[in-house]
């Protein structure tokens, strides 16, 4: 299932998508997958696309909304190894 992200007033946001599959949930901005969330051995695992996770102000804004955190928190999670940078595209 694919759905547009929603603004705070409930309107669909163009070109910003959440994709649900049986194995993972994805955040896609325009034509690029930015985040993949999956469960491995019952543990939530987050992958960020190494080339596009911080591509633009728009991507960053909606990635933060999707992950429910700030860019500083995302950077901290990358540095600590909690998030994995990989090629998602």
Protein backbone atom coordinates (compact mmCIF):
# COMPACT_ATOMS: atom_id res chain seq x y z
CA UNK A 1 0.00 0.00 0.00
CA UNK A 2 1.21 3.51 -0.85
CA UNK A 3 -0.04 6.70 0.75
CA UNK A 4 0.96 10.33 0.56
CA UNK A 5 2.35 11.83 3.73
CA UNK A 6 -0.07 14.22 5.38
CA UNK A 7 0.47 17.79 6.53
CA UNK A 8 -0.47 18.88 10.04
CA UNK A 9 -3.88 19.93 8.73
CA UNK A 10 -4.48 16.55 7.06
CA UNK A 11 -3.77 17.47 3.45
CA UNK A 12 -1.80 15.08 1.23
CA UNK A 13 1.75 16.22 0.56
CA UNK A 14 2.70 15.78 -3.10
CA UNK A 15 5.76 13.65 -3.94
CA UNK A 16 6.23 12.40 -0.34
CA UNK A 17 5.14 8.79 0.17
CA UNK A 18 4.95 6.10 2.80
CA UNK A 19 5.04 2.62 1.32
CA UNK A 20 3.92 -0.40 3.31
CA UNK A 21 4.95 -3.92 2.32
CA UNK A 22 4.73 -7.15 4.31
CA UNK A 23 8.47 -6.94 5.02
CA UNK A 24 9.17 -3.22 5.50
CA UNK A 25 7.91 0.35 5.60
CA UNK A 26 9.57 2.92 3.36
CA UNK A 27 9.69 6.69 3.08
CA UNK A 28 10.07 7.86 -0.51
CA UNK A 29 10.68 11.45 -1.58
CA UNK A 30 9.94 12.02 -5.27
CA UNK A 31 11.55 8.99 -6.98
CA UNK A 32 14.09 8.11 -4.27
CA UNK A 33 13.68 5.78 -1.33
CA UNK A 34 15.11 7.62 1.68
CA UNK A 35 14.33 5.33 4.65
CA UNK A 36 13.57 1.64 5.07
CA UNK A 37 12.28 0.32 8.38
CA UNK A 38 12.13 -3.41 8.91
CA UNK A 39 12.10 -5.85 11.78
CA UNK A 40 15.01 -8.29 11.97
CA UNK A 41 14.74 -10.89 14.73
CA UNK A 42 11.97 -8.80 16.27
CA UNK A 43 14.20 -5.70 16.42
CA UNK A 44 13.30 -2.51 14.56
CA UNK A 45 16.08 -1.81 12.05
CA UNK A 46 16.43 1.45 10.14
CA UNK A 47 18.32 1.91 6.89
CA UNK A 48 18.94 5.30 5.27
CA UNK A 49 19.94 5.76 1.66
CA UNK A 50 23.56 6.86 1.74
CA UNK A 51 23.19 9.26 -1.19
CA UNK A 52 19.81 10.84 -0.51
CA UNK A 53 19.05 10.74 3.23
CA UNK A 54 19.92 14.46 3.49
CA UNK A 55 19.52 15.44 -0.16
CA UNK A 56 17.43 18.59 0.23
CA UNK A 57 15.52 20.73 2.69
CA UNK A 58 12.26 19.08 1.59
CA UNK A 59 13.64 15.56 1.93
CA UNK A 60 15.04 16.42 5.36
CA UNK A 61 11.77 17.93 6.56
CA UNK A 62 9.70 14.90 5.66
CA UNK A 63 12.35 12.38 6.71
CA UNK A 64 12.31 14.01 10.14
CA UNK A 65 8.52 13.81 10.20
CA UNK A 66 8.60 10.14 9.14
CA UNK A 67 11.21 9.18 11.76
CA UNK A 68 9.75 11.57 14.36
CA UNK A 69 13.12 13.07 15.17
CA UNK A 70 15.43 15.97 14.33
CA UNK A 71 18.36 15.91 11.92
CA UNK A 72 20.75 16.04 14.90
CA UNK A 73 19.12 12.90 16.31
CA UNK A 74 19.37 11.19 12.91
CA UNK A 75 23.05 12.09 12.65
CA UNK A 76 23.65 10.77 16.18
CA UNK A 77 21.90 7.50 15.29
CA UNK A 78 24.04 7.12 12.17
CA UNK A 79 27.24 7.81 14.09
CA UNK A 80 26.32 5.36 16.85
CA UNK A 81 25.50 2.61 14.35
CA UNK A 82 21.82 2.50 15.30
CA UNK A 83 20.97 3.45 11.67
CA UNK A 84 22.71 1.92 8.68
CA UNK A 85 23.64 3.92 5.58
CA UNK A 86 23.21 1.81 2.47
CA UNK A 87 22.11 1.99 -1.15
CA UNK A 88 18.30 1.83 -1.19
CA UNK A 89 17.97 2.91 -4.81
